[in-house]
Amino acid sequence: SGPFLRPEATRFVARWAEPALGAALCGLGLWIATRGGWLLPVLGLPLAGLGAGWALLAWRRLRFAPEIASPGLVELDEGRLRYLHPRMPGEISLTDLAELRLLSLRGRRVWRLRDLSGATLLVPLDAAGAERLFDAFAALPGLGSAGLVAALDGPSALNRPAPPGGTLPAPALADRLVWRRSGQGLAPV
């Protein structure tokens, strides 16, 4: 006998489980709040707010969990971001991060991270483990999860494939600054 669910259904359930749990918690809180009395709304409304916040954050995280289409693996361990790839591996400390950009290279969207020393690291959005970057980037001062989603949903120039015969699209169309460290110590571009 085989598995109960097809692999596609299993992936769908796993992908949407966290937003669904947040929405269910919100619904439970609203149900409790509407049961009457003065105590139940005091308990139910904060529970509903917690569930709504959890569902919203989980929905935003979904943007960072695309189908894996790029080679390599993203690891995040104790503030160190590693991209393991046979040709262009790299590592960067998130505490030394100076700039975060969203690029389109050969029709593929990538994060370009630059540290205070000027070293850069390119990480495809559709690499295995890239969903771990959401919480790391959202913790950058002044960015937040809404800023990350806005960067991904921005102008469609980043979604266009590279022109035929070209390796890189025009930088003005394919490069968007998402975050830059404020203050001293920023290495020149």
C-alpha atoms as a PDB file:
ATOM      1  CA  SER A   1       0.000   0.000   0.000  1.00  0.00           C
ATOM      2  CA  GLY A   2       1.163   3.500  -0.842  1.00  0.00           C
ATOM      3  CA  PRO A   3       0.976   6.776   1.008  1.00  0.00           C
ATOM      4  CA  PHE A   4      -2.438   8.142   1.940  1.00  0.00           C
ATOM      5  CA  LEU A   5      -1.934  11.415   0.020  1.00  0.00           C
ATOM      6  CA  ARG A   6      -0.286  11.983  -3.319  1.00  0.00           C
ATOM      7  CA  PRO A   7       3.091  13.811  -3.139  1.00  0.00           C
ATOM      8  CA  GLU A   8       1.567  16.959  -4.672  1.00  0.00           C
ATOM      9  CA  ALA A   9      -1.151  17.049  -2.010  1.00  0.00           C
ATOM     10  CA  THR A  10       1.420  16.458   0.745  1.00  0.00           C
ATOM     11  CA  ARG A  11       3.518  19.404  -0.499  1.00  0.00           C
ATOM     12  CA  PHE A  12       0.413  21.604  -0.700  1.00  0.00           C
ATOM     13  CA  VAL A  13      -0.634  20.749   2.862  1.00  0.00           C
ATOM     14  CA  ALA A  14       2.897  21.311   4.175  1.00  0.00           C
ATOM     15  CA  ARG A  15       3.165  24.662   2.394  1.00  0.00           C
ATOM     16  CA  TRP A  16      -0.163  26.031   3.661  1.00  0.00           C
ATOM     17  CA  ALA A  17      -0.207  24.445   7.148  1.00  0.00           C
ATOM     18  CA  GLU A  18       1.191  27.436   9.037  1.00  0.00           C
ATOM     19  CA  PRO A  19      -1.153  30.067   7.495  1.00  0.00           C
ATOM     20  CA  ALA A  20      -4.087  27.712   8.028  1.00  0.00           C
ATOM     21  CA  LEU A  21      -3.197  27.186  11.690  1.00  0.00           C
ATOM     22  CA  GLY A  22      -2.960  30.943  12.204  1.00  0.00           C
ATOM     23  CA  ALA A  23      -6.350  31.460  10.565  1.00  0.00           C
ATOM     24  CA  ALA A  24      -7.831  28.653  12.670  1.00  0.00           C
ATOM     25  CA  LEU A  25      -6.482  30.239  15.851  1.00  0.00           C
ATOM     26  CA  CYS A  26      -7.984  33.574  14.778  1.00  0.00           C
ATOM     27  CA  GLY A  27     -11.341  31.888  14.145  1.00  0.00           C
ATOM     28  CA  LEU A  28     -11.222  30.113  17.505  1.00  0.00           C
ATOM     29  CA  GLY A  29     -10.508  33.412  19.255  1.00  0.00           C
ATOM     30  CA  LEU A  30     -13.429  35.108  17.516  1.00  0.00           C
ATOM     31  CA  TRP A  31     -15.718  32.202  18.359  1.00  0.00           C
ATOM     32  CA  ILE A  32     -14.719  32.382  22.040  1.00  0.00           C
ATOM     33  CA  ALA A  33     -15.170  36.164  22.057  1.00  0.00           C
ATOM     34  CA  THR A  34     -18.742  35.908  20.763  1.00  0.00           C
ATOM     35  CA  ARG A  35     -19.945  33.376  23.364  1.00  0.00           C
ATOM     36  CA  GLY A  36     -21.146  36.138  25.700  1.00  0.00           C
ATOM     37  CA  GLY A  37     -20.305  37.557  29.077  1.00  0.00           C
ATOM     38  CA  TRP A  38     -17.430  39.892  29.856  1.00  0.00           C
ATOM     39  CA  LEU A  39     -14.649  37.343  30.415  1.00  0.00           C
ATOM     40  CA  LEU A  40     -14.837  35.486  27.107  1.00  0.00           C
ATOM     41  CA  PRO A  41     -14.239  38.553  24.884  1.00  0.00           C
ATOM     42  CA  VAL A  42     -11.258  39.464  27.065  1.00  0.00           C
ATOM     43  CA  LEU A  43      -9.802  36.010  26.368  1.00  0.00           C
ATOM     44  CA  GLY A  44     -10.999  35.551  22.793  1.00  0.00           C
ATOM     45  CA  LEU A  45     -10.017  38.868  21.184  1.00  0.00           C
ATOM     46  CA  PRO A  46      -6.288  38.660  22.068  1.00  0.00           C
ATOM     47  CA  LEU A  47      -6.307  35.058  20.852  1.00  0.00           C
ATOM     48  CA  ALA A  48      -7.905  36.192  17.576  1.00  0.00           C
ATOM     49  CA  GLY A  49      -5.309  38.962  17.222  1.00  0.00           C
ATOM     50  CA  LEU A  50      -2.499  36.489  17.841  1.00  0.00           C
ATOM     51  CA  GLY A  51      -3.933  34.132  15.231  1.00  0.00           C
ATOM     52  CA  ALA A  52      -4.361  36.921  12.677  1.00  0.00           C
ATOM     53  CA  GLY A  53      -0.778  38.089  13.189  1.00  0.00           C
ATOM     54  CA  TRP A  54       0.516  34.530  12.895  1.00  0.00           C
ATOM     55  CA  ALA A  55      -1.479  33.943   9.693  1.00  0.00           C
ATOM     56  CA  LEU A  56      -0.218  37.198   8.140  1.00  0.00           C
ATOM     57  CA  LEU A  57       3.416  36.441   8.965  1.00  0.00           C
ATOM     58  CA  ALA A  58       3.065  32.868   7.681  1.00  0.00           C
ATOM     59  CA  TRP A  59       1.500  34.136   4.437  1.00  0.00           C
ATOM     60  CA  ARG A  60       4.436  36.524   3.979  1.00  0.00           C
ATOM     61  CA  ARG A  61       6.868  33.656   4.596  1.00  0.00           C
ATOM     62  CA  LEU A  62       5.248  31.729   1.734  1.00  0.00           C
ATOM     63  CA  ARG A  63       6.858  34.211  -0.668  1.00  0.00           C
ATOM     64  CA  PHE A  64      10.243  32.913   0.463  1.00  0.00           C
ATOM     65  CA  ALA A  65       9.389  29.256  -0.092  1.00  0.00           C
ATOM     66  CA  PRO A  66       9.132  28.866  -3.878  1.00  0.00           C
ATOM     67  CA  GLU A  67       9.587  25.640  -5.770  1.00  0.00           C
ATOM     68  CA  ILE A  68      13.268  24.696  -5.715  1.00  0.00           C
ATOM     69  CA  ALA A  69      14.690  25.369  -9.172  1.00  0.00           C
ATOM     70  CA  SER A  70      18.278  26.508  -8.541  1.00  0.00           C
ATOM     71  CA  PRO A  71      21.247  24.385  -7.606  1.00  0.00           C
ATOM     72  CA  GLY A  72      22.836  24.908  -4.226  1.00  0.00           C
ATOM     73  CA  LEU A  73      21.739  25.019  -0.625  1.00  0.00           C
ATOM     74  CA  VAL A  74      21.224  27.948   1.750  1.00  0.00           C
ATOM     75  CA  GLU A  75      22.286  27.472   5.366  1.00  0.00           C
ATOM     76  CA  LEU A  76      21.745  29.944   8.179  1.00  0.00           C
ATOM     77  CA  ASP A  77      23.567  29.229  11.419  1.00  0.00           C
ATOM     78  CA  GLU A  78      24.235  31.662  14.276  1.00  0.00           C
ATOM     79  CA  GLY A  79      24.049  34.759  12.093  1.00  0.00           C
ATOM     80  CA  ARG A  80      26.213  33.288   9.306  1.00  0.00           C
ATOM     81  CA  LEU A  81      24.610  32.817   5.911  1.00  0.00           C
ATOM     82  CA  ARG A  82      26.195  30.168   3.715  1.00  0.00           C
ATOM     83  CA  TYR A  83      25.341  29.387   0.133  1.00  0.00           C
ATOM     84  CA  LEU A  84      26.708  25.973  -0.790  1.00  0.00           C
ATOM     85  CA  HIS A  85      27.141  25.716  -4.547  1.00  0.00           C
ATOM     86  CA  PRO A  86      29.713  23.867  -6.675  1.00  0.00           C
ATOM     87  CA  ARG A  87      30.810  26.974  -8.638  1.00  0.00           C
ATOM     88  CA  MET A  88      29.970  30.043  -6.561  1.00  0.00           C
ATOM     89  CA  PRO A  89      29.788  29.217  -2.868  1.00  0.00           C
ATOM     90  CA  GLY A  90      30.062  31.882  -0.246  1.00  0.00           C
ATOM     91  CA  GLU A  91      29.467  32.941   3.305  1.00  0.00           C
ATOM     92  CA  ILE A  92      28.534  36.254   4.881  1.00  0.00           C
ATOM     93  CA  SER A  93      27.793  37.400   8.413  1.00  0.00           C
ATOM     94  CA  LEU A  94      24.404  39.042   8.816  1.00  0.00           C
ATOM     95  CA  THR A  95      25.823  41.344  11.502  1.00  0.00           C
ATOM     96  CA  ASP A  96      28.304  42.675   8.913  1.00  0.00           C
ATOM     97  CA  LEU A  97      25.692  43.023   6.178  1.00  0.00           C
ATOM     98  CA  ALA A  98      25.857  46.462   4.545  1.00  0.00           C
ATOM     99  CA  GLU A  99      23.432  46.121   1.635  1.00  0.00           C
ATOM    100  CA  LEU A 100      20.716  43.843   0.305  1.00  0.00           C
ATOM    101  CA  ARG A 101      19.627  44.033  -3.333  1.00  0.00           C
ATOM    102  CA  LEU A 102      17.230  42.048  -5.489  1.00  0.00           C
ATOM    103  CA  LEU A 103      18.618  41.313  -8.952  1.00  0.00           C
ATOM    104  CA  SER A 104      17.579  39.481 -12.067  1.00  0.00           C
ATOM    105  CA  LEU A 105      20.437  37.534 -13.633  1.00  0.00           C
ATOM    106  CA  ARG A 106      19.747  35.499 -16.757  1.00  0.00           C
ATOM    107  CA  GLY A 107      16.051  35.545 -15.953  1.00  0.00           C
ATOM    108  CA  ARG A 108      16.540  34.238 -12.413  1.00  0.00           C
ATOM    109  CA  ARG A 109      15.887  36.380  -9.338  1.00  0.00           C
ATOM    110  CA  VAL A 110      18.713  36.518  -6.810  1.00  0.00           C
ATOM    111  CA  TRP A 111      19.565  38.273  -3.578  1.00  0.00           C
ATOM    112  CA  ARG A 112      22.844  40.192  -3.712  1.00  0.00           C
ATOM    113  CA  LEU A 113      24.303  40.628  -0.243  1.00  0.00           C
ATOM    114  CA  ARG A 114      27.292  42.894   0.368  1.00  0.00           C
ATOM    115  CA  ASP A 115      29.129  43.120   3.667  1.00  0.00           C
ATOM    116  CA  LEU A 116      31.055  46.004   5.223  1.00  0.00           C
ATOM    117  CA  SER A 117      34.304  44.867   3.584  1.00  0.00           C
ATOM    118  CA  GLY A 118      32.702  44.950   0.113  1.00  0.00           C
ATOM    119  CA  ALA A 119      32.517  41.155  -0.353  1.00  0.00           C
ATOM    120  CA  THR A 120      29.345  40.029  -2.139  1.00  0.00           C
ATOM    121  CA  LEU A 121      27.282  36.872  -2.147  1.00  0.00           C
ATOM    122  CA  LEU A 122      24.580  35.951  -4.675  1.00  0.00           C
ATOM    123  CA  VAL A 123      21.770  33.682  -3.459  1.00  0.00           C
ATOM    124  CA  PRO A 124      18.933  32.602  -5.807  1.00  0.00           C
ATOM    125  CA  LEU A 125      15.433  33.066  -4.416  1.00  0.00           C
ATOM    126  CA  ASP A 126      14.552  29.551  -5.537  1.00  0.00           C
ATOM    127  CA  ALA A 127      17.520  27.717  -3.980  1.00  0.00           C
ATOM    128  CA  ALA A 128      16.910  24.982  -1.436  1.00  0.00           C
ATOM    129  CA  GLY A 129      16.688  26.498   2.026  1.00  0.00           C
ATOM    130  CA  ALA A 130      16.138  30.074   0.791  1.00  0.00           C
ATOM    131  CA  GLU A 131      12.933  30.298   2.844  1.00  0.00           C
ATOM    132  CA  ARG A 132      15.175  30.619   5.932  1.00  0.00           C
ATOM    133  CA  LEU A 133      16.189  34.081   4.720  1.00  0.00           C
ATOM    134  CA  PHE A 134      12.777  35.603   5.456  1.00  0.00           C
ATOM    135  CA  ASP A 135      13.208  35.847   9.228  1.00  0.00           C
ATOM    136  CA  ALA A 136      16.880  36.804   8.899  1.00  0.00           C
ATOM    137  CA  PHE A 137      16.168  39.662   6.489  1.00  0.00           C
ATOM    138  CA  ALA A 138      13.019  40.770   8.346  1.00  0.00           C
ATOM    139  CA  ALA A 139      15.184  41.293  11.458  1.00  0.00           C
ATOM    140  CA  LEU A 140      17.376  43.866   9.671  1.00  0.00           C
ATOM    141  CA  PRO A 141      16.895  47.314  11.235  1.00  0.00           C
ATOM    142  CA  GLY A 142      14.245  49.277   9.367  1.00  0.00           C
ATOM    143  CA  LEU A 143      13.244  46.518   6.912  1.00  0.00           C
ATOM    144  CA  GLY A 144      10.609  44.170   8.376  1.00  0.00           C
ATOM    145  CA  SER A 145       8.478  41.511   6.735  1.00  0.00           C
ATOM    146  CA  ALA A 146       6.212  43.989   4.926  1.00  0.00           C
ATOM    147  CA  GLY A 147       9.269  45.581   3.262  1.00  0.00           C
ATOM    148  CA  LEU A 148      10.459  42.192   2.037  1.00  0.00           C
ATOM    149  CA  VAL A 149       7.093  41.337   0.523  1.00  0.00           C
ATOM    150  CA  ALA A 150       6.939  44.785  -1.096  1.00  0.00           C
ATOM    151  CA  ALA A 151      10.395  44.233  -2.607  1.00  0.00           C
ATOM    152  CA  LEU A 152       9.311  40.921  -4.104  1.00  0.00           C
ATOM    153  CA  ASP A 153       6.069  42.414  -5.429  1.00  0.00           C
ATOM    154  CA  GLY A 154       7.728  45.573  -6.777  1.00  0.00           C
ATOM    155  CA  PRO A 155       7.989  46.631 -10.429  1.00  0.00           C
ATOM    156  CA  SER A 156       7.779  43.805 -12.900  1.00  0.00           C
ATOM    157  CA  ALA A 157      11.167  44.619 -14.461  1.00  0.00           C
ATOM    158  CA  LEU A 158      12.759  42.087 -12.124  1.00  0.00           C
ATOM    159  CA  ASN A 159      10.373  39.411 -13.336  1.00  0.00           C
ATOM    160  CA  ARG A 160      11.310  39.774 -16.996  1.00  0.00           C
ATOM    161  CA  PRO A 161      13.675  37.198 -18.494  1.00  0.00           C
ATOM    162  CA  ALA A 162      17.037  38.266 -19.886  1.00  0.00           C
ATOM    163  CA  PRO A 163      17.036  39.538 -23.481  1.00  0.00           C
ATOM    164  CA  PRO A 164      17.858  36.925 -26.131  1.00  0.00           C
ATOM    165  CA  GLY A 165      21.584  36.488 -26.635  1.00  0.00           C
ATOM    166  CA  GLY A 166      22.394  38.568 -23.555  1.00  0.00           C
ATOM    167  CA  THR A 167      23.660  37.291 -20.264  1.00  0.00           C
ATOM    168  CA  LEU A 168      22.595  40.188 -18.062  1.00  0.00           C
ATOM    169  CA  PRO A 169      19.622  42.514 -18.393  1.00  0.00           C
ATOM    170  CA  ALA A 170      20.139  46.261 -18.181  1.00  0.00           C
ATOM    171  CA  PRO A 171      21.077  47.138 -14.569  1.00  0.00           C
ATOM    172  CA  ALA A 172      18.497  49.926 -14.354  1.00  0.00           C
ATOM    173  CA  LEU A 173      15.737  47.414 -15.020  1.00  0.00           C
ATOM    174  CA  ALA A 174      17.081  44.496 -13.024  1.00  0.00           C
ATOM    175  CA  ASP A 175      18.583  45.867  -9.820  1.00  0.00           C
ATOM    176  CA  ARG A 176      16.588  47.062  -6.817  1.00  0.00           C
ATOM    177  CA  LEU A 177      17.984  48.216  -3.490  1.00  0.00           C
ATOM    178  CA  VAL A 178      15.989  46.536  -0.725  1.00  0.00           C
ATOM    179  CA  TRP A 179      17.981  47.563   2.358  1.00  0.00           C
ATOM    180  CA  ARG A 180      21.144  49.485   3.206  1.00  0.00           C
ATOM    181  CA  ARG A 181      22.813  49.840   6.589  1.00  0.00           C
ATOM    182  CA  SER A 182      22.653  53.372   7.863  1.00  0.00           C
ATOM    183  CA  GLY A 183      25.533  55.054   9.634  1.00  0.00           C
ATOM    184  CA  GLN A 184      29.282  54.884   9.298  1.00  0.00           C
ATOM    185  CA  GLY A 185      31.367  52.039   7.957  1.00  0.00           C
ATOM    186  CA  LEU A 186      29.585  51.480   4.668  1.00  0.00           C
ATOM    187  CA  ALA A 187      32.048  50.367   2.017  1.00  0.00           C
ATOM    188  CA  PRO A 188      31.857  52.275  -1.291  1.00  0.00           C
ATOM    189  CA  VAL A 189      29.870  50.680  -4.083  1.00  0.00           C
END
